[in-house]
Protein backbone atom coordinates (compact mmCIF):
# COMPACT_ATOMS: atom_id res chain seq x y z
CA MET A 1 188.84 73.42 -47.41
CA GLY A 2 190.58 70.09 -46.46
CA LYS A 3 188.56 67.10 -45.61
CA THR A 4 189.45 67.25 -41.97
CA VAL A 5 186.78 70.02 -41.57
CA PHE A 6 184.34 67.30 -41.46
CA ASP A 7 186.25 64.98 -39.03
CA LEU A 8 184.69 64.04 -35.38
CA GLU A 9 187.40 63.41 -33.01
CA GLY A 10 186.80 60.43 -30.68
CA CYS A 11 184.45 58.29 -32.92
CA ASP A 12 184.13 54.72 -32.01
CA ILE A 13 183.66 53.16 -35.42
CA ALA A 14 181.49 50.02 -35.44
CA TRP A 15 182.77 48.71 -38.60
CA CYS A 16 184.96 45.75 -39.21
CA PRO A 17 188.59 46.44 -40.64
CA GLY A 18 188.48 46.41 -44.24
CA CYS A 19 184.96 47.17 -44.69
CA GLY A 20 183.88 49.01 -47.79
CA ASN A 21 182.02 51.86 -45.60
CA TYR A 22 185.61 53.36 -44.55
CA GLY A 23 186.23 54.12 -48.17
CA ILE A 24 182.84 55.77 -48.66
CA LEU A 25 183.37 57.72 -45.63
CA ASN A 26 186.65 59.16 -46.70
CA ILE A 27 185.36 59.92 -50.23
CA MET A 28 182.45 61.63 -48.93
CA LYS A 29 184.63 64.12 -46.83
CA GLU A 30 186.94 64.79 -49.83
CA ILE A 31 183.90 65.52 -51.74
CA LEU A 32 182.21 68.02 -49.59
CA ALA A 33 185.45 69.71 -48.98
CA GLU A 34 186.09 70.10 -52.61
CA LEU A 35 182.57 71.45 -52.88
CA SER A 36 183.40 73.68 -49.97
CA ALA A 37 179.98 72.44 -48.32
CA ASP A 38 179.17 74.23 -45.32
CA PRO A 39 178.74 71.91 -42.32
CA GLN A 40 175.86 74.30 -41.01
CA LYS A 41 173.97 73.52 -44.14
CA LEU A 42 174.46 70.09 -44.73
CA VAL A 43 172.16 67.50 -43.59
CA PHE A 44 172.56 63.58 -43.50
CA VAL A 45 169.73 61.37 -43.16
CA SER A 46 169.78 57.64 -42.71
CA GLY A 47 167.71 54.65 -41.31
CA ILE A 48 169.24 51.69 -39.43
CA GLY A 49 172.17 49.49 -40.31
CA GLN A 50 176.11 49.70 -40.69
CA ALA A 51 176.00 51.93 -43.48
CA ALA A 52 173.15 54.10 -41.87
CA LYS A 53 175.95 54.88 -39.33
CA ILE A 54 177.92 57.17 -41.60
CA PRO A 55 176.46 60.32 -40.54
CA GLN A 56 177.47 59.65 -37.05
CA TYR A 57 181.27 59.96 -38.19
CA LEU A 58 180.90 63.35 -40.07
CA LYS A 59 180.77 66.76 -38.69
CA CYS A 60 177.33 68.00 -39.95
CA HIS A 61 173.47 68.02 -39.09
CA TYR A 62 172.04 64.47 -39.27
CA PHE A 63 168.56 62.57 -38.67
CA ASN A 64 168.92 59.12 -37.89
CA GLY A 65 165.48 57.66 -38.30
CA LEU A 66 163.65 54.24 -38.20
CA HIS A 67 164.50 51.33 -40.33
CA GLY A 68 163.67 52.20 -43.89
CA ARG A 69 162.48 55.42 -43.13
CA ALA A 70 165.29 57.59 -44.28
CA LEU A 71 163.70 59.07 -47.39
CA PRO A 72 160.46 60.79 -46.13
CA PRO A 73 162.20 62.91 -43.45
CA ALA A 74 164.99 63.83 -46.31
CA VAL A 75 162.19 65.02 -48.48
CA ALA A 76 160.47 67.00 -45.84
CA ILE A 77 163.80 68.52 -44.46
CA LYS A 78 164.58 69.75 -48.02
CA ALA A 79 160.94 70.98 -48.37
CA THR A 80 161.06 72.91 -45.66
CA ASN A 81 164.48 74.52 -45.91
CA PRO A 82 165.68 74.23 -49.76
CA GLU A 83 168.75 76.01 -48.74
CA LEU A 84 169.94 73.05 -47.24
CA THR A 85 172.08 70.05 -49.01
CA VAL A 86 170.39 66.84 -48.20
CA ILE A 87 171.89 63.50 -48.43
CA ALA A 88 170.07 60.18 -47.54
CA GLU A 89 172.61 57.57 -47.05
CA SER A 90 171.93 54.02 -45.77
CA GLY A 91 172.27 50.34 -47.06
CA ASP A 92 170.54 48.14 -49.58
CA GLY A 93 168.59 46.44 -46.93
CA ASP A 94 167.22 49.77 -45.37
CA MET A 95 166.72 51.62 -48.65
CA TYR A 96 165.65 48.76 -51.05
CA GLY A 97 163.93 46.22 -48.35
CA GLU A 98 162.39 48.01 -45.37
CA GLY A 99 162.05 51.28 -47.25
CA GLY A 100 161.19 50.24 -50.71
CA ASN A 101 158.07 51.85 -50.95
CA HIS A 102 159.24 55.24 -49.80
CA PHE A 103 162.25 54.72 -52.64
CA LEU A 104 159.44 54.53 -55.40
CA HIS A 105 157.46 57.42 -53.99
CA THR A 106 160.50 59.49 -53.61
CA ILE A 107 161.70 59.06 -57.26
CA ARG A 108 158.37 60.21 -58.31
CA ARG A 109 158.55 63.27 -56.36
CA ASN A 110 161.95 64.29 -57.55
CA PRO A 111 163.11 66.23 -54.45
CA ASP A 112 166.49 67.97 -54.67
CA ILE A 113 168.08 65.35 -52.58
CA THR A 114 171.38 62.91 -53.26
CA ASN A 115 170.27 59.24 -52.32
CA ILE A 116 173.56 57.37 -51.65
CA VAL A 117 172.89 53.48 -51.23
CA HIS A 118 175.80 51.29 -49.86
CA ASN A 119 175.12 47.76 -51.46
CA ASN A 120 176.94 45.18 -50.29
CA MET A 121 174.21 42.31 -51.13
CA VAL A 122 173.73 41.24 -47.38
CA TYR A 123 172.37 42.59 -43.97
CA GLY A 124 175.59 43.29 -41.89
CA LEU A 125 174.14 44.87 -38.77
CA THR A 126 171.95 41.51 -37.98
CA LYS A 127 174.68 39.15 -38.95
CA GLY A 128 174.48 38.22 -42.50
CA GLN A 129 170.90 37.42 -43.64
CA ALA A 130 170.05 37.87 -47.60
CA SER A 131 169.15 41.41 -48.46
CA PRO A 132 167.02 42.68 -51.51
CA THR A 133 170.05 42.95 -53.78
CA SER A 134 171.57 39.45 -52.65
CA GLU A 135 172.35 37.10 -55.93
CA LYS A 136 170.12 34.07 -56.68
CA GLY A 137 171.96 31.16 -54.64
CA PHE A 138 173.60 33.00 -52.05
CA LYS A 139 173.75 31.08 -48.80
CA THR A 140 173.52 32.47 -45.38
CA PRO A 141 172.76 31.34 -41.75
CA VAL A 142 168.93 31.92 -42.43
CA GLN A 143 168.86 30.96 -46.26
CA VAL A 144 170.56 27.84 -45.80
CA GLU A 145 169.68 26.36 -49.29
CA GLY A 146 170.33 29.50 -50.96
CA VAL A 147 168.65 32.53 -51.81
CA ILE A 148 165.44 31.51 -54.40
CA LEU A 149 164.60 35.14 -55.53
CA GLU A 150 166.01 37.30 -58.11
CA PRO A 151 167.95 40.28 -56.71
CA PHE A 152 166.01 43.78 -56.77
CA ASN A 153 167.27 45.94 -59.45
CA PRO A 154 167.38 49.51 -57.93
CA LEU A 155 168.77 51.01 -61.38
CA ALA A 156 166.08 49.44 -63.49
CA VAL A 157 163.33 50.59 -61.22
CA ALA A 158 164.72 54.14 -60.88
CA ILE A 159 164.81 54.49 -64.73
CA ALA A 160 161.50 52.98 -65.29
CA LEU A 161 160.22 55.69 -62.75
CA ASP A 162 161.96 58.69 -64.93
CA ALA A 163 164.36 58.98 -61.84
CA SER A 164 166.34 62.44 -63.04
CA PHE A 165 169.86 60.86 -61.99
CA VAL A 166 170.68 57.01 -61.74
CA ALA A 167 174.33 55.80 -61.22
CA ARG A 168 176.07 53.11 -59.99
CA VAL A 169 179.85 53.03 -58.67
CA PHE A 170 182.39 50.56 -56.98
CA VAL A 171 184.16 51.89 -53.61
CA GLY A 172 187.13 50.13 -55.12
CA PHE A 173 187.22 52.42 -58.04
CA ARG A 174 187.96 55.30 -56.03
CA ASP A 175 188.62 58.09 -58.64
CA HIS A 176 185.62 57.30 -60.47
CA ALA A 177 183.22 56.79 -57.45
CA LYS A 178 184.23 60.21 -56.39
CA GLU A 179 183.53 61.71 -59.69
CA VAL A 180 180.13 60.43 -60.00
CA ILE A 181 178.95 61.09 -56.49
CA LYS A 182 180.11 64.71 -56.93
CA LYS A 183 177.93 65.13 -60.03
CA ALA A 184 175.17 63.56 -57.99
CA ILE A 185 175.38 66.04 -55.29
CA LEU A 186 175.44 68.98 -57.75
CA HIS A 187 172.53 67.57 -59.91
CA LYS A 188 169.23 69.46 -59.29
CA GLY A 189 166.48 66.72 -58.46
CA TYR A 190 166.69 63.44 -57.25
CA ALA A 191 169.83 61.77 -57.70
CA LEU A 192 170.62 57.86 -56.79
CA VAL A 193 174.03 56.37 -56.30
CA ASP A 194 174.25 52.72 -55.93
CA ILE A 195 177.56 52.01 -54.32
CA PHE A 196 178.99 48.59 -54.42
CA GLN A 197 180.99 48.14 -51.16
CA PRO A 198 182.27 44.54 -49.93
CA CYS A 199 181.33 43.35 -46.48
CA LEU A 200 184.23 41.31 -45.58
CA THR A 201 182.82 39.59 -42.53
CA PHE A 202 179.30 38.23 -43.89
CA ASN A 203 179.48 38.20 -47.72
CA LYS A 204 182.57 35.79 -48.63
CA ILE A 205 181.30 35.80 -52.26
CA ASN A 206 180.85 39.60 -53.49
CA THR A 207 184.49 40.73 -52.31
CA TYR A 208 186.74 43.36 -53.86
CA GLN A 209 188.14 41.28 -56.10
CA TRP A 210 184.64 39.76 -57.45
CA PHE A 211 183.51 43.41 -58.07
CA ARG A 212 186.75 44.12 -59.88
CA GLU A 213 186.13 41.10 -61.98
CA HIS A 214 182.48 41.36 -62.48
CA THR A 215 182.08 45.16 -63.27
CA TYR A 216 183.15 47.45 -65.93
CA LEU A 217 182.93 51.15 -66.85
CA LEU A 218 180.25 52.75 -69.15
CA ASP A 219 182.47 54.65 -71.77
CA ALA A 220 181.92 57.54 -73.78
CA SER A 221 179.67 56.00 -76.16
CA HIS A 222 176.90 55.56 -73.60
CA ASP A 223 174.39 58.26 -73.62
CA PRO A 224 172.89 59.15 -70.16
CA LYS A 225 169.92 61.10 -71.93
CA ASN A 226 168.70 57.88 -73.85
CA ARG A 227 166.30 56.20 -71.53
CA THR A 228 165.98 53.06 -73.25
CA ARG A 229 169.40 52.39 -73.64
CA ALA A 230 169.93 53.38 -70.11
CA PHE A 231 167.66 50.77 -68.98
CA GLU A 232 169.07 48.11 -71.08
CA LYS A 233 172.31 48.89 -69.61
CA ALA A 234 170.76 48.53 -66.09
CA THR A 235 169.33 45.24 -66.79
CA GLU A 236 172.90 43.57 -67.62
CA THR A 237 173.89 40.89 -65.32
CA GLU A 238 176.83 39.06 -66.99
CA LYS A 239 179.06 42.11 -66.17
CA LEU A 240 177.57 44.97 -64.17
CA PRO A 241 178.22 48.27 -65.62
CA LEU A 242 179.28 51.23 -63.44
CA GLY A 243 179.04 55.16 -64.18
CA ILE A 244 175.95 57.42 -64.90
CA PHE A 245 173.18 55.69 -66.51
CA TYR A 246 170.28 58.39 -67.10
CA GLU A 247 170.51 61.87 -66.24
CA HIS A 248 168.01 64.58 -67.28
CA ASP A 249 166.30 67.78 -65.97
CA LYS A 250 163.00 67.99 -64.66
CA PRO A 251 161.35 70.41 -61.80
CA ALA A 252 162.29 69.45 -58.33
CA PHE A 253 159.50 68.77 -55.87
CA GLU A 254 160.01 71.55 -53.67
CA GLU A 255 160.06 74.04 -56.59
CA GLN A 256 156.42 72.95 -57.30
CA LEU A 257 154.94 73.12 -53.84
CA PRO A 258 152.35 76.07 -53.82
CA VAL A 259 153.88 77.55 -50.62
CA TYR A 260 156.70 78.54 -52.65
CA LYS A 261 154.93 80.05 -55.96
CA GLN A 262 154.70 83.66 -54.58
CA ASP A 263 157.76 83.60 -52.16
CA ARG A 264 160.75 81.41 -52.30
CA THR A 265 161.89 82.08 -48.52
CA SER A 266 162.36 78.92 -46.75
CA VAL A 267 159.47 78.05 -44.84
CA ILE A 268 161.18 77.80 -41.62
CA LYS A 269 162.30 81.23 -42.04
CA ARG A 270 159.01 82.87 -42.18
CA SER A 271 157.25 84.71 -39.43
CA PHE A 272 154.64 82.52 -37.92
CA ARG A 273 151.01 83.58 -36.55
CA SER A 274 149.74 81.24 -33.96
CA GLU A 275 146.45 82.66 -33.58
CA PRO A 276 144.63 81.34 -36.52
CA ILE A 277 145.53 77.72 -35.06
CA GLU A 278 144.73 78.76 -31.91
CA ILE A 279 141.06 79.76 -32.91
CA LEU A 280 140.96 76.57 -34.89
CA ILE A 281 141.63 74.37 -31.68
CA LYS A 282 139.52 76.37 -29.49
CA LYS A 283 136.72 75.76 -32.14
CA PHE A 284 137.28 72.14 -32.01
CA LYS A 285 136.95 72.04 -28.24
CA GLU A 286 133.83 73.64 -28.01
């Protein structure tokens, strides 16, 4: 299967030339093709933002929700039809800012979904305000004196909550990013991949060159089963590690739902009897 299977003809792509989102889109198409993903059983879910537009440029089913609200429908879609491959993909502002509360509780539930977060450390859609991951001192048209808050650390939070797969990559290290994202999609349970991707228009600090100089790849000595060591790596700031920080197996959310204990058939494929509901509604009307 070639990646052109997931191409959509005539797309008016809204990203600026050179945007890191292009690289992520191409990587995703290649991964899906290599995994022989069926477009009919593939669902992307996003919120609002430049990164959130990525499902609109792929041949797949997608749900485009409210700002910061990508994860709840992604969990529901997977729960009602576990046969689907569900990928929630959006930006750092959408997932960690407006969607921060959903981010926390999705990790706790451990649904079998992949959470891809495009992290450019700025709000690109709304013209360059600081995002939750912007570095301290970063100046914007809104934060004119510079950001005064420490950046949100999604990896440390995810590991602290015992997420079953936690990783970070840089779109400029293409082969490495592709390998890690593919493993995340194949992982059974919640998988977070934080992707560094430069915004050339509104972030002149965290450029392709900056990420190359301020990151390094985790080597073979790193044990992703060691949660304490993974947390230590996630809190490094002098140089930012890339790779799979933490990975372990635990039951997925949908596997534990009572509705699937006796019957593994997807809820949406089961026969539905409307009479009990009609009786209940009629009773409340009396």
